[in-house]
Amino acid sequence: MSKVSGRKLWLDEGVVHAGKFLKQLMSTEERRTLSKSEQNLKMMSASFIYLHHIAAEEGLIDEEDPNYLFDDEILH
């Protein structure tokens, strides 16, 4: 068993959801034109994935946060 930052788990889960949502919108876009709202959601999902990647590269996800809202979680 190991302890993992709850914040890291939350952000990683967000990337998974954003990726699935982005994939779904890209699939839909192959069949029809996306509405303006769908285009905005597609860009927002891609932006979150990109920013998560940059934050991870810079080590921002793993650093200590004085305003920490999430408890560490134990992975079984």
PDB file of N, CA and C in Angstrom:
ATOM      1  N   MET A   1       0.841  -1.174   0.000  1.00  0.00           N
ATOM      2  CA  MET A   1       0.000   0.000   0.000  1.00  0.00           C
ATOM      3  C   MET A   1       0.891   1.243   0.000  1.00  0.00           C
ATOM      4  N   SER A   2       0.443   2.245  -0.709  1.00  0.00           N
ATOM      5  CA  SER A   2       1.210   3.486  -0.748  1.00  0.00           C
ATOM      6  C   SER A   2       0.278   4.687  -0.646  1.00  0.00           C
ATOM      7  N   LYS A   3       0.830   5.778  -0.108  1.00  0.00           N
ATOM      8  CA  LYS A   3       0.064   7.013   0.000  1.00  0.00           C
ATOM      9  C   LYS A   3       0.298   7.853  -1.249  1.00  0.00           C
ATOM     10  N   VAL A   4      -0.782   8.420  -1.761  1.00  0.00           N
ATOM     11  CA  VAL A   4      -0.707   9.276  -2.933  1.00  0.00           C
ATOM     12  C   VAL A   4      -1.456  10.567  -2.622  1.00  0.00           C
ATOM     13  N   SER A   5      -0.950  11.657  -3.143  1.00  0.00           N
ATOM     14  CA  SER A   5      -1.589  12.953  -2.956  1.00  0.00           C
ATOM     15  C   SER A   5      -3.007  12.930  -3.529  1.00  0.00           C
ATOM     16  N   GLY A   6      -3.969  13.327  -2.713  1.00  0.00           N
ATOM     17  CA  GLY A   6      -5.349  13.406  -3.179  1.00  0.00           C
ATOM     18  C   GLY A   6      -5.497  14.400  -4.312  1.00  0.00           C
ATOM     19  N   ARG A   7      -4.720  15.476  -4.266  1.00  0.00           N
ATOM     20  CA  ARG A   7      -4.756  16.479  -5.336  1.00  0.00           C
ATOM     21  C   ARG A   7      -4.290  15.875  -6.655  1.00  0.00           C
ATOM     22  N   LYS A   8      -3.193  15.100  -6.602  1.00  0.00           N
ATOM     23  CA  LYS A   8      -2.678  14.459  -7.817  1.00  0.00           C
ATOM     24  C   LYS A   8      -3.707  13.490  -8.383  1.00  0.00           C
ATOM     25  N   LEU A   9      -4.330  12.698  -7.521  1.00  0.00           N
ATOM     26  CA  LEU A   9      -5.360  11.768  -7.998  1.00  0.00           C
ATOM     27  C   LEU A   9      -6.515  12.511  -8.650  1.00  0.00           C
ATOM     28  N   TRP A  10      -6.944  13.614  -8.025  1.00  0.00           N
ATOM     29  CA  TRP A  10      -8.056  14.408  -8.546  1.00  0.00           C
ATOM     30  C   TRP A  10      -7.711  14.982  -9.917  1.00  0.00           C
ATOM     31  N   LEU A  11      -6.510  15.545 -10.055  1.00  0.00           N
ATOM     32  CA  LEU A  11      -6.105  16.119 -11.335  1.00  0.00           C
ATOM     33  C   LEU A  11      -5.919  15.045 -12.399  1.00  0.00           C
ATOM     34  N   ASP A  12      -5.337  13.912 -12.018  1.00  0.00           N
ATOM     35  CA  ASP A  12      -5.156  12.814 -12.968  1.00  0.00           C
ATOM     36  C   ASP A  12      -6.505  12.284 -13.454  1.00  0.00           C
ATOM     37  N   GLU A  13      -7.463  12.182 -12.545  1.00  0.00           N
ATOM     38  CA  GLU A  13      -8.800  11.737 -12.927  1.00  0.00           C
ATOM     39  C   GLU A  13      -9.438  12.743 -13.890  1.00  0.00           C
ATOM     40  N   GLY A  14      -9.194  14.024 -13.653  1.00  0.00           N
ATOM     41  CA  GLY A  14      -9.704  15.055 -14.555  1.00  0.00           C
ATOM     42  C   GLY A  14      -9.145  14.912 -15.950  1.00  0.00           C
ATOM     43  N   VAL A  15      -7.866  14.555 -16.069  1.00  0.00           N
ATOM     44  CA  VAL A  15      -7.246  14.351 -17.377  1.00  0.00           C
ATOM     45  C   VAL A  15      -7.890  13.162 -18.091  1.00  0.00           C
ATOM     46  N   VAL A  16      -8.169  12.108 -17.349  1.00  0.00           N
ATOM     47  CA  VAL A  16      -8.813  10.935 -17.952  1.00  0.00           C
ATOM     48  C   VAL A  16     -10.186  11.317 -18.500  1.00  0.00           C
ATOM     49  N   HIS A  17     -10.971  12.032 -17.701  1.00  0.00           N
ATOM     50  CA  HIS A  17     -12.305  12.448 -18.154  1.00  0.00           C
ATOM     51  C   HIS A  17     -12.208  13.404 -19.336  1.00  0.00           C
ATOM     52  N   ALA A  18     -11.285  14.357 -19.286  1.00  0.00           N
ATOM     53  CA  ALA A  18     -11.112  15.309 -20.383  1.00  0.00           C
ATOM     54  C   ALA A  18     -10.699  14.584 -21.658  1.00  0.00           C
ATOM     55  N   GLY A  19      -9.842  13.590 -21.521  1.00  0.00           N
ATOM     56  CA  GLY A  19      -9.410  12.818 -22.689  1.00  0.00           C
ATOM     57  C   GLY A  19     -10.547  12.042 -23.327  1.00  0.00           C
ATOM     58  N   LYS A  20     -11.365  11.407 -22.508  1.00  0.00           N
ATOM     59  CA  LYS A  20     -12.520  10.658 -23.033  1.00  0.00           C
ATOM     60  C   LYS A  20     -13.504  11.599 -23.710  1.00  0.00           C
ATOM     61  N   PHE A  21     -13.741  12.753 -23.067  1.00  0.00           N
ATOM     62  CA  PHE A  21     -14.678  13.726 -23.612  1.00  0.00           C
ATOM     63  C   PHE A  21     -14.152  14.285 -24.930  1.00  0.00           C
ATOM     64  N   LEU A  22     -12.856  14.600 -24.977  1.00  0.00           N
ATOM     65  CA  LEU A  22     -12.239  15.120 -26.194  1.00  0.00           C
ATOM     66  C   LEU A  22     -12.324  14.091 -27.316  1.00  0.00           C
ATOM     67  N   LYS A  23     -12.046  12.844 -27.011  1.00  0.00           N
ATOM     68  CA  LYS A  23     -12.123  11.780 -28.011  1.00  0.00           C
ATOM     69  C   LYS A  23     -13.542  11.661 -28.563  1.00  0.00           C
ATOM     70  N   GLN A  24     -14.532  11.742 -27.676  1.00  0.00           N
ATOM     71  CA  GLN A  24     -15.927  11.650 -28.096  1.00  0.00           C
ATOM     72  C   GLN A  24     -16.296  12.822 -29.018  1.00  0.00           C
ATOM     73  N   LEU A  25     -15.865  14.030 -28.655  1.00  0.00           N
ATOM     74  CA  LEU A  25     -16.166  15.193 -29.490  1.00  0.00           C
ATOM     75  C   LEU A  25     -15.456  15.112 -30.837  1.00  0.00           C
ATOM     76  N   MET A  26     -14.246  14.607 -30.860  1.00  0.00           N
ATOM     77  CA  MET A  26     -13.517  14.469 -32.123  1.00  0.00           C
ATOM     78  C   MET A  26     -14.192  13.432 -33.017  1.00  0.00           C
ATOM     79  N   SER A  27     -14.717  12.374 -32.410  1.00  0.00           N
ATOM     80  CA  SER A  27     -15.455  11.365 -33.174  1.00  0.00           C
ATOM     81  C   SER A  27     -16.737  11.962 -33.754  1.00  0.00           C
ATOM     82  N   THR A  28     -17.431  12.742 -32.947  1.00  0.00           N
ATOM     83  CA  THR A  28     -18.654  13.402 -33.401  1.00  0.00           C
ATOM     84  C   THR A  28     -18.338  14.371 -34.531  1.00  0.00           C
ATOM     85  N   GLU A  29     -17.218  15.059 -34.422  1.00  0.00           N
ATOM     86  CA  GLU A  29     -16.818  16.045 -35.425  1.00  0.00           C
ATOM     87  C   GLU A  29     -16.560  15.401 -36.792  1.00  0.00           C
ATOM     88  N   GLU A  30     -16.210  14.124 -36.801  1.00  0.00           N
ATOM     89  CA  GLU A  30     -16.014  13.409 -38.058  1.00  0.00           C
ATOM     90  C   GLU A  30     -17.331  13.177 -38.785  1.00  0.00           C
ATOM     91  N   ARG A  31     -18.428  13.123 -38.034  1.00  0.00           N
ATOM     92  CA  ARG A  31     -19.739  12.836 -38.615  1.00  0.00           C
ATOM     93  C   ARG A  31     -20.551  14.089 -38.929  1.00  0.00           C
ATOM     94  N   ARG A  32     -20.302  15.145 -38.162  1.00  0.00           N
ATOM     95  CA  ARG A  32     -21.071  16.381 -38.360  1.00  0.00           C
ATOM     96  C   ARG A  32     -20.295  17.564 -37.807  1.00  0.00           C
ATOM     97  N   THR A  33     -20.747  18.750 -38.139  1.00  0.00           N
ATOM     98  CA  THR A  33     -20.134  19.964 -37.613  1.00  0.00           C
ATOM     99  C   THR A  33     -20.548  20.159 -36.163  1.00  0.00           C
ATOM    100  N   LEU A  34     -19.584  20.472 -35.323  1.00  0.00           N
ATOM    101  CA  LEU A  34     -19.876  20.711 -33.914  1.00  0.00           C
ATOM    102  C   LEU A  34     -20.546  22.069 -33.740  1.00  0.00           C
ATOM    103  N   SER A  35     -21.432  22.138 -32.754  1.00  0.00           N
ATOM    104  CA  SER A  35     -22.037  23.422 -32.413  1.00  0.00           C
ATOM    105  C   SER A  35     -20.966  24.304 -31.761  1.00  0.00           C
ATOM    106  N   LYS A  36     -21.253  25.569 -31.616  1.00  0.00           N
ATOM    107  CA  LYS A  36     -20.307  26.492 -30.984  1.00  0.00           C
ATOM    108  C   LYS A  36     -19.994  26.030 -29.553  1.00  0.00           C
ATOM    109  N   SER A  37     -21.011  25.601 -28.820  1.00  0.00           N
ATOM    110  CA  SER A  37     -20.799  25.114 -27.448  1.00  0.00           C
ATOM    111  C   SER A  37     -19.921  23.870 -27.436  1.00  0.00           C
ATOM    112  N   GLU A  38     -20.153  22.962 -28.360  1.00  0.00           N
ATOM    113  CA  GLU A  38     -19.333  21.747 -28.444  1.00  0.00           C
ATOM    114  C   GLU A  38     -17.887  22.092 -28.795  1.00  0.00           C
ATOM    115  N   GLN A  39     -17.703  23.052 -29.695  1.00  0.00           N
ATOM    116  CA  GLN A  39     -16.353  23.487 -30.049  1.00  0.00           C
ATOM    117  C   GLN A  39     -15.647  24.072 -28.828  1.00  0.00           C
ATOM    118  N   ASN A  40     -16.378  24.872 -28.049  1.00  0.00           N
ATOM    119  CA  ASN A  40     -15.798  25.450 -26.835  1.00  0.00           C
ATOM    120  C   ASN A  40     -15.413  24.367 -25.830  1.00  0.00           C
ATOM    121  N   LEU A  41     -16.271  23.375 -25.651  1.00  0.00           N
ATOM    122  CA  LEU A  41     -15.973  22.274 -24.729  1.00  0.00           C
ATOM    123  C   LEU A  41     -14.780  21.452 -25.213  1.00  0.00           C
ATOM    124  N   LYS A  42     -14.682  21.284 -26.519  1.00  0.00           N
ATOM    125  CA  LYS A  42     -13.541  20.560 -27.096  1.00  0.00           C
ATOM    126  C   LYS A  42     -12.244  21.310 -26.778  1.00  0.00           C
ATOM    127  N   MET A  43     -12.247  22.621 -26.977  1.00  0.00           N
ATOM    128  CA  MET A  43     -11.058  23.425 -26.702  1.00  0.00           C
ATOM    129  C   MET A  43     -10.727  23.444 -25.209  1.00  0.00           C
ATOM    130  N   MET A  44     -11.765  23.494 -24.376  1.00  0.00           N
ATOM    131  CA  MET A  44     -11.545  23.502 -22.932  1.00  0.00           C
ATOM    132  C   MET A  44     -10.930  22.173 -22.473  1.00  0.00           C
ATOM    133  N   SER A  45     -11.419  21.067 -23.001  1.00  0.00           N
ATOM    134  CA  SER A  45     -10.872  19.755 -22.645  1.00  0.00           C
ATOM    135  C   SER A  45      -9.415  19.645 -23.081  1.00  0.00           C
ATOM    136  N   ALA A  46      -9.134  20.053 -24.311  1.00  0.00           N
ATOM    137  CA  ALA A  46      -7.758  20.001 -24.820  1.00  0.00           C
ATOM    138  C   ALA A  46      -6.851  20.917 -23.998  1.00  0.00           C
ATOM    139  N   SER A  47      -7.363  22.074 -23.614  1.00  0.00           N
ATOM    140  CA  SER A  47      -6.579  23.025 -22.806  1.00  0.00           C
ATOM    141  C   SER A  47      -6.239  22.434 -21.451  1.00  0.00           C
ATOM    142  N   PHE A  48      -7.199  21.773 -20.809  1.00  0.00           N
ATOM    143  CA  PHE A  48      -6.937  21.164 -19.509  1.00  0.00           C
ATOM    144  C   PHE A  48      -5.862  20.091 -19.623  1.00  0.00           C
ATOM    145  N   ILE A  49      -5.958  19.264 -20.644  1.00  0.00           N
ATOM    146  CA  ILE A  49      -4.960  18.208 -20.844  1.00  0.00           C
ATOM    147  C   ILE A  49      -3.580  18.826 -21.049  1.00  0.00           C
ATOM    148  N   TYR A  50      -3.511  19.862 -21.870  1.00  0.00           N
ATOM    149  CA  TYR A  50      -2.241  20.538 -22.136  1.00  0.00           C
ATOM    150  C   TYR A  50      -1.665  21.157 -20.856  1.00  0.00           C
ATOM    151  N   LEU A  51      -2.496  21.883 -20.121  1.00  0.00           N
ATOM    152  CA  LEU A  51      -2.013  22.530 -18.907  1.00  0.00           C
ATOM    153  C   LEU A  51      -1.585  21.518 -17.846  1.00  0.00           C
ATOM    154  N   HIS A  52      -2.302  20.405 -17.754  1.00  0.00           N
ATOM    155  CA  HIS A  52      -1.912  19.342 -16.820  1.00  0.00           C
ATOM    156  C   HIS A  52      -0.532  18.814 -17.196  1.00  0.00           C
ATOM    157  N   HIS A  53      -0.303  18.615 -18.482  1.00  0.00           N
ATOM    158  CA  HIS A  53       0.984  18.116 -18.966  1.00  0.00           C
ATOM    159  C   HIS A  53       2.114  19.090 -18.606  1.00  0.00           C
ATOM    160  N   ILE A  54       1.893  20.382 -18.850  1.00  0.00           N
ATOM    161  CA  ILE A  54       2.905  21.395 -18.540  1.00  0.00           C
ATOM    162  C   ILE A  54       3.157  21.458 -17.029  1.00  0.00           C
ATOM    163  N   ALA A  55       2.088  21.438 -16.238  1.00  0.00           N
ATOM    164  CA  ALA A  55       2.236  21.481 -14.776  1.00  0.00           C
ATOM    165  C   ALA A  55       3.004  20.260 -14.274  1.00  0.00           C
ATOM    166  N   ALA A  56       2.728  19.094 -14.846  1.00  0.00           N
ATOM    167  CA  ALA A  56       3.438  17.878 -14.445  1.00  0.00           C
ATOM    168  C   ALA A  56       4.921  17.975 -14.809  1.00  0.00           C
ATOM    169  N   GLU A  57       5.215  18.484 -16.016  1.00  0.00           N
ATOM    170  CA  GLU A  57       6.606  18.638 -16.439  1.00  0.00           C
ATOM    171  C   GLU A  57       7.376  19.577 -15.520  1.00  0.00           C
ATOM    172  N   GLU A  58       6.719  20.615 -15.046  1.00  0.00           N
ATOM    173  CA  GLU A  58       7.364  21.612 -14.188  1.00  0.00           C
ATOM    174  C   GLU A  58       7.393  21.189 -12.717  1.00  0.00           C
ATOM    175  N   GLY A  59       6.767  20.059 -12.401  1.00  0.00           N
ATOM    176  CA  GLY A  59       6.761  19.559 -11.034  1.00  0.00           C
ATOM    177  C   GLY A  59       5.758  20.256 -10.130  1.00  0.00           C
ATOM    178  N   LEU A  60       4.841  21.011 -10.713  1.00  0.00           N
ATOM    179  CA  LEU A  60       3.871  21.766  -9.913  1.00  0.00           C
ATOM    180  C   LEU A  60       2.829  20.868  -9.248  1.00  0.00           C
ATOM    181  N   ILE A  61       2.552  19.738  -9.835  1.00  0.00           N
ATOM    182  CA  ILE A  61       1.527  18.849  -9.287  1.00  0.00           C
ATOM    183  C   ILE A  61       2.027  18.156  -8.023  1.00  0.00           C
ATOM    184  N   ASP A  62       3.313  17.889  -7.971  1.00  0.00           N
ATOM    185  CA  ASP A  62       3.874  17.156  -6.838  1.00  0.00           C
ATOM    186  C   ASP A  62       4.391  18.045  -5.716  1.00  0.00           C
ATOM    187  N   GLU A  63       4.460  19.370  -5.938  1.00  0.00           N
ATOM    188  CA  GLU A  63       5.011  20.226  -4.889  1.00  0.00           C
ATOM    189  C   GLU A  63       3.979  20.483  -3.790  1.00  0.00           C
ATOM    190  N   GLU A  64       4.483  20.893  -2.638  1.00  0.00           N
ATOM    191  CA  GLU A  64       3.620  21.188  -1.492  1.00  0.00           C
ATOM    192  C   GLU A  64       2.766  22.417  -1.777  1.00  0.00           C
ATOM    193  N   ASP A  65       1.541  22.399  -1.294  1.00  0.00           N
ATOM    194  CA  ASP A  65       0.601  23.500  -1.500  1.00  0.00           C
ATOM    195  C   ASP A  65       0.112  23.984  -0.138  1.00  0.00           C
ATOM    196  N   PRO A  66       0.354  25.256   0.206  1.00  0.00           N
ATOM    197  CA  PRO A  66      -0.092  25.758   1.511  1.00  0.00           C
ATOM    198  C   PRO A  66      -1.618  25.803   1.650  1.00  0.00           C
ATOM    199  N   ASN A  67      -2.325  25.847   0.538  1.00  0.00           N
ATOM    200  CA  ASN A  67      -3.795  25.883   0.541  1.00  0.00           C
ATOM    201  C   ASN A  67      -4.375  24.509   0.209  1.00  0.00           C
ATOM    202  N   TYR A  68      -3.711  23.481   0.671  1.00  0.00           N
ATOM    203  CA  TYR A  68      -4.047  22.104   0.327  1.00  0.00           C
ATOM    204  C   TYR A  68      -5.443  21.725   0.800  1.00  0.00           C
ATOM    205  N   LEU A  69      -6.266  21.248  -0.113  1.00  0.00           N
ATOM    206  CA  LEU A  69      -7.653  20.891   0.206  1.00  0.00           C
ATOM    207  C   LEU A  69      -7.887  19.379   0.276  1.00  0.00           C
ATOM    208  N   PHE A  70      -6.940  18.613  -0.226  1.00  0.00           N
ATOM    209  CA  PHE A  70      -7.154  17.183  -0.361  1.00  0.00           C
ATOM    210  C   PHE A  70      -6.233  16.402   0.559  1.00  0.00           C
ATOM    211  N   ASP A  71      -6.787  15.399   1.217  1.00  0.00           N
ATOM    212  CA  ASP A  71      -5.986  14.505   2.053  1.00  0.00           C
ATOM    213  C   ASP A  71      -5.292  13.486   1.181  1.00  0.00           C
ATOM    214  N   ASP A  72      -4.160  12.973   1.675  1.00  0.00           N
ATOM    215  CA  ASP A  72      -3.512  11.868   0.976  1.00  0.00           C
ATOM    216  C   ASP A  72      -4.437  10.656   1.006  1.00  0.00           C
ATOM    217  N   GLU A  73      -4.353   9.842  -0.033  1.00  0.00           N
ATOM    218  CA  GLU A  73      -5.165   8.640  -0.095  1.00  0.00           C
ATOM    219  C   GLU A  73      -4.263   7.427  -0.150  1.00  0.00           C
ATOM    220  N   ILE A  74      -4.717   6.350   0.442  1.00  0.00           N
ATOM    221  CA  ILE A  74      -3.945   5.100   0.439  1.00  0.00           C
ATOM    222  C   ILE A  74      -4.462   4.228  -0.708  1.00  0.00           C
ATOM    223  N   LEU A  75      -3.525   3.838  -1.576  1.00  0.00           N
ATOM    224  CA  LEU A  75      -3.879   2.944  -2.678  1.00  0.00           C
ATOM    225  C   LEU A  75      -3.676   1.500  -2.233  1.00  0.00           C
ATOM    226  N   HIS A  76      -4.653   0.690  -2.473  1.00  0.00           N
ATOM    227  CA  HIS A  76      -4.597  -0.716  -2.072  1.00  0.00           C
ATOM    228  C   HIS A  76      -4.227  -1.582  -3.237  1.00  0.00           C
TER     229      HIS A  76
END
